[in-house]
C-alpha atoms as a PDB file:
ATOM      1  CA  MET A   1     149.062 117.773 105.454  1.00  0.00           C
ATOM      2  CA  LEU A   2     148.878 114.494 107.354  1.00  0.00           C
ATOM      3  CA  ALA A   3     145.385 115.409 108.643  1.00  0.00           C
ATOM      4  CA  GLN A   4     144.193 116.032 105.078  1.00  0.00           C
ATOM      5  CA  GLY A   5     145.496 112.620 104.034  1.00  0.00           C
ATOM      6  CA  ARG A   6     143.635 110.956 106.896  1.00  0.00           C
ATOM      7  CA  ASP A   7     140.456 112.836 105.966  1.00  0.00           C
ATOM      8  CA  ALA A   8     140.816 111.737 102.351  1.00  0.00           C
ATOM      9  CA  MET A   9     141.291 108.103 103.427  1.00  0.00           C
ATOM     10  CA  LYS A  10     138.201 108.325 105.696  1.00  0.00           C
ATOM     11  CA  LEU A  11     136.181 109.724 102.784  1.00  0.00           C
ATOM     12  CA  LEU A  12     137.469 107.002 100.471  1.00  0.00           C
ATOM     13  CA  GLY A  13     136.558 104.323 103.021  1.00  0.00           C
ATOM     14  CA  THR A  14     133.075 105.802 103.451  1.00  0.00           C
ATOM     15  CA  LEU A  15     132.514 105.895  99.684  1.00  0.00           C
ATOM     16  CA  ALA A  16     133.736 102.312  99.269  1.00  0.00           C
ATOM     17  CA  GLY A  17     131.423 101.176 102.068  1.00  0.00           C
ATOM     18  CA  ALA A  18     128.476 102.984 100.487  1.00  0.00           C
ATOM     19  CA  ALA A  19     129.256 101.370  97.144  1.00  0.00           C
ATOM     20  CA  MET A  20     129.301  97.915  98.744  1.00  0.00           C
ATOM     21  CA  LEU A  21     125.962  98.555 100.466  1.00  0.00           C
ATOM     22  CA  THR A  22     124.438  99.703  97.191  1.00  0.00           C
ATOM     23  CA  MET A  23     125.607  96.581  95.379  1.00  0.00           C
ATOM     24  CA  THR A  24     124.309  94.352  98.163  1.00  0.00           C
ATOM     25  CA  ALA A  25     120.937  96.116  98.275  1.00  0.00           C
ATOM     26  CA  GLY A  26     120.557  95.764  94.508  1.00  0.00           C
ATOM     27  CA  THR A  27     121.140  92.037  94.695  1.00  0.00           C
ATOM     28  CA  ALA A  28     118.647  91.618  97.520  1.00  0.00           C
ATOM     29  CA  PHE A  29     116.018  93.587  95.612  1.00  0.00           C
ATOM     30  CA  ALA A  30     116.396  91.475  92.474  1.00  0.00           C
ATOM     31  CA  ASP A  31     116.159  88.276  94.495  1.00  0.00           C
ATOM     32  CA  SER A  32     113.081  89.478  96.361  1.00  0.00           C
ATOM     33  CA  ALA A  33     111.283  90.234  93.102  1.00  0.00           C
ATOM     34  CA  GLY A  34     111.149  86.529  92.290  1.00  0.00           C
ATOM     35  CA  VAL A  35     113.183  86.819  89.100  1.00  0.00           C
ATOM     36  CA  VAL A  36     115.209  83.715  88.279  1.00  0.00           C
ATOM     37  CA  GLY A  37     118.150  84.377  86.053  1.00  0.00           C
ATOM     38  CA  ALA A  38     117.678  87.693  84.355  1.00  0.00           C
ATOM     39  CA  ASN A  39     114.696  87.074  82.139  1.00  0.00           C
ATOM     40  CA  THR A  40     112.300  84.541  83.643  1.00  0.00           C
ATOM     41  CA  PHE A  41     109.831  84.229  86.489  1.00  0.00           C
ATOM     42  CA  PRO A  42     109.581  80.886  88.305  1.00  0.00           C
ATOM     43  CA  GLN A  43     105.865  81.186  89.056  1.00  0.00           C
ATOM     44  CA  GLN A  44     103.626  79.112  86.795  1.00  0.00           C
ATOM     45  CA  ASP A  45     100.057  79.601  88.016  1.00  0.00           C
ATOM     46  CA  GLY A  46      98.040  82.762  87.439  1.00  0.00           C
ATOM     47  CA  LYS A  47      97.581  83.698  91.080  1.00  0.00           C
ATOM     48  CA  SER A  48     101.318  83.451  91.833  1.00  0.00           C
ATOM     49  CA  LEU A  49     102.237  85.344  88.667  1.00  0.00           C
ATOM     50  CA  TYR A  50      99.760  88.102  89.557  1.00  0.00           C
ATOM     51  CA  ALA A  51     101.263  88.338  93.056  1.00  0.00           C
ATOM     52  CA  ALA A  52     104.839  88.432  91.724  1.00  0.00           C
ATOM     53  CA  ILE A  53     104.336  90.820  88.821  1.00  0.00           C
ATOM     54  CA  CYS A  54     100.998  92.603  88.645  1.00  0.00           C
ATOM     55  CA  GLN A  55      99.950  93.476  92.174  1.00  0.00           C
ATOM     56  CA  GLY A  56     102.840  95.865  92.684  1.00  0.00           C
ATOM     57  CA  CYS A  57     101.015  98.370  90.479  1.00  0.00           C
ATOM     58  CA  HIS A  58      97.450  97.093  90.193  1.00  0.00           C
ATOM     59  CA  MET A  59      97.319  96.268  93.944  1.00  0.00           C
ATOM     60  CA  PRO A  60      96.549  92.928  95.642  1.00  0.00           C
ATOM     61  CA  ASP A  61      92.797  93.551  95.300  1.00  0.00           C
ATOM     62  CA  ALA A  62      93.209  94.655  91.639  1.00  0.00           C
ATOM     63  CA  LYS A  63      91.521  97.980  92.389  1.00  0.00           C
ATOM     64  CA  GLY A  64      94.427  99.962  90.964  1.00  0.00           C
ATOM     65  CA  ALA A  65      96.162 102.957  92.469  1.00  0.00           C
ATOM     66  CA  ILE A  66      97.133 106.554  91.904  1.00  0.00           C
ATOM     67  CA  GLY A  67     100.481 107.822  93.095  1.00  0.00           C
ATOM     68  CA  ALA A  68     103.608 108.221  91.006  1.00  0.00           C
ATOM     69  CA  GLY A  69     101.338 107.219  88.133  1.00  0.00           C
ATOM     70  CA  ALA A  70      97.832 105.976  87.490  1.00  0.00           C
ATOM     71  CA  TYR A  71      97.547 102.196  87.672  1.00  0.00           C
ATOM     72  CA  PRO A  72      94.178 101.074  86.344  1.00  0.00           C
ATOM     73  CA  ALA A  73      91.880  98.760  88.218  1.00  0.00           C
ATOM     74  CA  LEU A  74      91.512  95.235  86.890  1.00  0.00           C
ATOM     75  CA  ALA A  75      88.614  94.458  89.222  1.00  0.00           C
ATOM     76  CA  HIS A  76      85.215  94.466  87.483  1.00  0.00           C
ATOM     77  CA  ASP A  77      86.995  95.506  84.268  1.00  0.00           C
ATOM     78  CA  GLN A  78      84.801  95.345  81.168  1.00  0.00           C
ATOM     79  CA  ASN A  79      87.905  95.721  78.989  1.00  0.00           C
ATOM     80  CA  LEU A  80      88.811  92.156  79.940  1.00  0.00           C
ATOM     81  CA  ALA A  81      85.727  90.767  78.150  1.00  0.00           C
ATOM     82  CA  ALA A  82      87.819  90.449  74.980  1.00  0.00           C
ATOM     83  CA  ALA A  83      90.552  87.975  75.893  1.00  0.00           C
ATOM     84  CA  GLY A  84      92.928  89.442  73.324  1.00  0.00           C
ATOM     85  CA  TYR A  85      93.070  92.757  75.206  1.00  0.00           C
ATOM     86  CA  PRO A  86      94.938  91.549  78.313  1.00  0.00           C
ATOM     87  CA  VAL A  87      97.020  89.175  76.172  1.00  0.00           C
ATOM     88  CA  PHE A  88      98.268  92.112  74.088  1.00  0.00           C
ATOM     89  CA  LEU A  89      98.956  94.297  77.141  1.00  0.00           C
ATOM     90  CA  ILE A  90     100.893  91.587  78.954  1.00  0.00           C
ATOM     91  CA  LEU A  91     102.962  90.711  75.889  1.00  0.00           C
ATOM     92  CA  TYR A  92     103.703  94.230  74.630  1.00  0.00           C
ATOM     93  CA  GLY A  93     102.721  96.719  77.341  1.00  0.00           C
ATOM     94  CA  GLN A  94     101.064 100.076  76.843  1.00  0.00           C
ATOM     95  CA  LYS A  95     101.939 103.571  78.049  1.00  0.00           C
ATOM     96  CA  ALA A  96     103.666 103.191  81.440  1.00  0.00           C
ATOM     97  CA  MET A  97     103.077  99.437  81.658  1.00  0.00           C
ATOM     98  CA  PRO A  98     106.018  97.454  80.323  1.00  0.00           C
ATOM     99  CA  GLY A  99     105.495  94.380  78.213  1.00  0.00           C
ATOM    100  CA  PHE A 100     106.339  91.022  79.743  1.00  0.00           C
ATOM    101  CA  GLY A 101     106.501  88.991  76.528  1.00  0.00           C
ATOM    102  CA  GLY A 102     110.256  88.560  76.897  1.00  0.00           C
ATOM    103  CA  PHE A 103     109.932  87.295  80.467  1.00  0.00           C
ATOM    104  CA  LEU A 104     106.919  84.961  80.343  1.00  0.00           C
ATOM    105  CA  SER A 105     106.243  81.759  78.447  1.00  0.00           C
ATOM    106  CA  ASP A 106     103.021  81.290  76.511  1.00  0.00           C
ATOM    107  CA  ALA A 107     101.701  79.100  79.342  1.00  0.00           C
ATOM    108  CA  GLN A 108     102.498  81.768  81.947  1.00  0.00           C
ATOM    109  CA  VAL A 109     100.775  84.518  79.944  1.00  0.00           C
ATOM    110  CA  ALA A 110      97.706  82.310  79.512  1.00  0.00           C
ATOM    111  CA  ALA A 111      97.688  81.500  83.239  1.00  0.00           C
ATOM    112  CA  VAL A 112      97.808  85.104  84.411  1.00  0.00           C
ATOM    113  CA  VAL A 113      95.288  86.280  81.797  1.00  0.00           C
ATOM    114  CA  ASN A 114      92.862  83.536  82.828  1.00  0.00           C
ATOM    115  CA  TYR A 115      93.387  84.351  86.511  1.00  0.00           C
ATOM    116  CA  ILE A 116      92.689  88.069  86.039  1.00  0.00           C
ATOM    117  CA  ARG A 117      89.672  87.406  83.827  1.00  0.00           C
ATOM    118  CA  THR A 118      88.067  85.064  86.400  1.00  0.00           C
ATOM    119  CA  SER A 119      89.034  86.883  89.623  1.00  0.00           C
ATOM    120  CA  PHE A 120      88.392  90.241  91.261  1.00  0.00           C
ATOM    121  CA  GLY A 121      84.728  90.285  90.240  1.00  0.00           C
ATOM    122  CA  ASN A 122      85.508  89.395  86.619  1.00  0.00           C
ATOM    123  CA  THR A 123      83.557  86.422  85.264  1.00  0.00           C
ATOM    124  CA  TYR A 124      84.969  85.929  81.770  1.00  0.00           C
ATOM    125  CA  THR A 125      85.241  82.152  81.522  1.00  0.00           C
ATOM    126  CA  ASP A 126      86.363  81.742  77.893  1.00  0.00           C
ATOM    127  CA  ALA A 127      89.905  80.708  78.801  1.00  0.00           C
ATOM    128  CA  VAL A 128      92.904  81.427  76.615  1.00  0.00           C
ATOM    129  CA  LYS A 129      95.372  78.637  75.916  1.00  0.00           C
ATOM    130  CA  PRO A 130      99.129  78.744  75.419  1.00  0.00           C
ATOM    131  CA  ASP A 131      98.569  78.198  71.677  1.00  0.00           C
ATOM    132  CA  ASP A 132      96.436  81.375  71.628  1.00  0.00           C
ATOM    133  CA  ILE A 133      99.328  83.296  73.143  1.00  0.00           C
ATOM    134  CA  LYS A 134     101.789  81.809  70.664  1.00  0.00           C
ATOM    135  CA  ALA A 135      99.533  82.893  67.800  1.00  0.00           C
ATOM    136  CA  SER A 136      99.321  86.402  69.318  1.00  0.00           C
ATOM    137  CA  ARG A 137     103.073  86.914  69.412  1.00  0.00           C
ATOM    138  CA  ASN A 138     104.466  88.982  66.590  1.00  0.00           C
ATOM    139  CA  PRO A 139     107.442  86.982  65.260  1.00  0.00           C
ATOM    140  CA  GLU A 140     109.226  90.254  64.458  1.00  0.00           C
ATOM    141  CA  ALA A 141     108.659  91.808  67.891  1.00  0.00           C
ATOM    142  CA  VAL A 142     111.681  92.735  69.939  1.00  0.00           C
ATOM    143  CA  TYR A 143     110.754  92.066  73.556  1.00  0.00           C
ATOM    144  CA  PHE A 144     112.296  93.997  76.420  1.00  0.00           C
ATOM    145  CA  THR A 145     114.610  91.836  78.539  1.00  0.00           C
ATOM    146  CA  LEU A 146     117.305  92.496  81.123  1.00  0.00           C
ATOM    147  CA  ASP A 147     120.134  91.357  78.844  1.00  0.00           C
END
Protein backbone atom coordinates (compact mmCIF):
# COMPACT_ATOMS: atom_id res chain seq x y z
CA MET A 1 0.00 0.00 0.00
CA LEU A 2 2.86 2.35 0.84
CA ALA A 3 4.46 1.67 -2.58
CA GLN A 4 1.20 2.60 -4.32
CA GLY A 5 1.08 5.87 -2.38
CA ARG A 6 4.64 6.69 -3.42
CA ASP A 7 3.81 5.88 -7.04
CA ALA A 8 0.76 8.13 -6.89
CA MET A 9 2.84 10.98 -5.43
CA LYS A 10 5.48 10.51 -8.17
CA LEU A 11 2.74 10.65 -10.81
CA LEU A 12 1.23 13.74 -9.21
CA GLY A 13 4.65 15.43 -9.13
CA THR A 14 5.26 14.55 -12.78
CA LEU A 15 1.86 15.93 -13.82
CA ALA A 16 2.40 19.14 -11.84
CA GLY A 17 5.82 19.58 -13.44
CA ALA A 18 4.37 19.03 -16.91
CA ALA A 19 1.64 21.57 -16.19
CA MET A 20 4.24 24.15 -15.12
CA LEU A 21 6.29 23.54 -18.28
CA THR A 22 3.20 23.95 -20.43
CA MET A 23 2.31 27.25 -18.78
CA THR A 24 5.87 28.52 -19.15
CA ALA A 25 6.07 27.47 -22.81
CA GLY A 26 2.78 29.22 -23.56
CA THR A 27 4.05 32.46 -22.08
CA ALA A 28 7.30 32.27 -24.03
CA PHE A 29 5.42 31.63 -27.27
CA ALA A 30 3.14 34.63 -26.80
CA ASP A 31 6.09 36.87 -26.01
CA SER A 32 8.05 35.65 -29.02
CA ALA A 33 5.15 36.46 -31.34
CA GLY A 34 5.63 40.17 -30.69
CA VAL A 35 2.18 40.69 -29.20
CA VAL A 36 2.03 43.46 -26.61
CA GLY A 37 -0.84 43.13 -24.22
CA ALA A 38 -3.39 40.79 -25.68
CA ASN A 39 -4.64 42.70 -28.68
CA THR A 40 -1.94 44.90 -30.19
CA PHE A 41 1.29 44.60 -32.14
CA PRO A 42 4.10 47.05 -31.35
CA GLN A 43 5.45 47.17 -34.91
CA GLN A 44 4.48 50.29 -36.85
CA ASP A 45 6.17 50.04 -40.25
CA GLY A 46 5.01 47.72 -43.02
CA LYS A 47 8.17 45.63 -43.23
CA SER A 48 8.19 44.92 -39.48
CA LEU A 49 4.46 44.16 -39.44
CA TYR A 50 4.89 41.76 -42.38
CA ALA A 51 7.74 40.01 -40.55
CA ALA A 52 5.76 39.76 -37.29
CA ILE A 53 2.40 38.72 -38.71
CA CYS A 54 2.33 37.75 -42.37
CA GLN A 55 5.52 35.87 -43.15
CA GLY A 56 4.63 32.98 -40.87
CA CYS A 57 2.14 31.81 -43.50
CA HIS A 58 3.01 33.72 -46.67
CA MET A 59 6.77 33.15 -46.13
CA PRO A 60 9.58 35.73 -45.86
CA ASP A 61 9.82 35.96 -49.66
CA ALA A 62 5.99 36.20 -49.99
CA LYS A 63 5.94 33.19 -52.31
CA GLY A 64 3.40 31.37 -50.17
CA ALA A 65 3.46 27.77 -49.02
CA ILE A 66 1.58 24.51 -49.02
CA GLY A 67 1.59 22.32 -45.95
CA ALA A 68 -1.10 22.14 -43.30
CA GLY A 69 -2.97 24.51 -45.60
CA ALA A 70 -2.45 26.51 -48.76
CA TYR A 71 -1.00 29.95 -48.11
CA PRO A 72 -1.18 32.06 -51.25
CA ALA A 73 1.76 33.92 -52.68
CA LEU A 74 1.76 37.69 -52.36
CA ALA A 75 4.75 38.08 -54.67
CA HIS A 76 3.82 39.31 -58.16
CA ASP A 77 0.16 39.20 -57.10
CA GLN A 78 -2.21 40.86 -59.56
CA ASN A 79 -4.97 40.75 -56.94
CA LEU A 80 -3.12 43.50 -55.09
CA ALA A 81 -3.70 45.98 -57.95
CA ALA A 82 -6.94 47.04 -56.26
CA ALA A 83 -5.84 48.48 -52.92
CA GLY A 84 -9.17 47.64 -51.31
CA TYR A 85 -8.54 43.90 -51.73
CA PRO A 86 -5.65 43.54 -49.25
CA VAL A 87 -7.28 46.11 -46.95
CA PHE A 88 -10.41 43.96 -46.71
CA LEU A 89 -8.44 40.73 -46.19
CA ILE A 90 -6.27 42.20 -43.45
CA LEU A 91 -9.24 43.74 -41.63
CA TYR A 92 -11.69 40.84 -41.91
CA GLY A 93 -9.80 37.76 -43.12
CA GLN A 94 -11.02 35.17 -45.58
CA LYS A 95 -11.22 31.38 -45.42
CA ALA A 96 -8.31 30.19 -43.24
CA MET A 97 -6.77 33.65 -42.88
CA PRO A 98 -7.95 35.42 -39.74
CA GLY A 99 -8.79 39.09 -39.78
CA PHE A 100 -6.46 41.46 -37.97
CA GLY A 101 -8.80 44.45 -37.73
CA GLY A 102 -9.07 44.03 -33.97
CA PHE A 103 -5.30 43.96 -33.53
CA LEU A 104 -4.04 46.68 -35.89
CA SER A 105 -4.62 50.42 -36.01
CA ASP A 106 -5.61 52.13 -39.24
CA ALA A 107 -2.01 53.34 -39.64
CA GLN A 108 -0.63 49.82 -39.18
CA VAL A 109 -3.03 48.34 -41.75
CA ALA A 110 -2.10 51.06 -44.23
CA ALA A 111 1.61 50.46 -43.58
CA VAL A 112 1.50 46.72 -44.18
CA VAL A 113 -0.79 47.04 -47.22
CA ASN A 114 1.54 49.62 -48.77
CA TYR A 115 4.57 47.44 -48.00
CA ILE A 116 3.07 44.34 -49.62
CA ARG A 117 1.85 46.29 -52.64
CA THR A 118 5.31 47.79 -53.30
CA SER A 119 7.50 44.79 -52.40
CA PHE A 120 8.05 41.24 -53.62
CA GLY A 121 7.83 42.23 -57.29
CA ASN A 122 4.62 44.21 -56.78
CA THR A 123 4.73 47.77 -58.11
CA TYR A 124 1.37 49.23 -57.07
CA THR A 125 2.32 52.73 -55.94
CA ASP A 126 -1.13 54.21 -55.22
CA ALA A 127 -0.66 54.19 -51.45
CA VAL A 128 -3.52 53.78 -49.00
CA LYS A 129 -3.75 56.14 -46.05
CA PRO A 130 -5.00 55.55 -42.52
CA ASP A 131 -8.17 57.50 -43.40
CA ASP A 132 -8.82 55.00 -46.22
CA ILE A 133 -8.63 52.17 -43.70
CA LYS A 134 -10.93 53.99 -41.29
CA ALA A 135 -13.47 54.44 -44.08
CA SER A 136 -13.17 50.71 -44.93
CA ARG A 137 -14.01 49.54 -41.43
CA ASN A 138 -17.57 48.41 -40.93
CA PRO A 139 -18.74 50.19 -37.76
CA GLU A 140 -20.91 47.17 -36.92
CA ALA A 141 -18.13 44.60 -37.41
CA VAL A 142 -17.14 42.47 -34.46
CA TYR A 143 -13.40 41.94 -34.74
CA PHE A 144 -11.69 38.86 -33.36
CA THR A 145 -9.50 39.66 -30.35
CA LEU A 146 -7.86 37.63 -27.59
CA ASP A 147 -10.17 38.99 -24.88
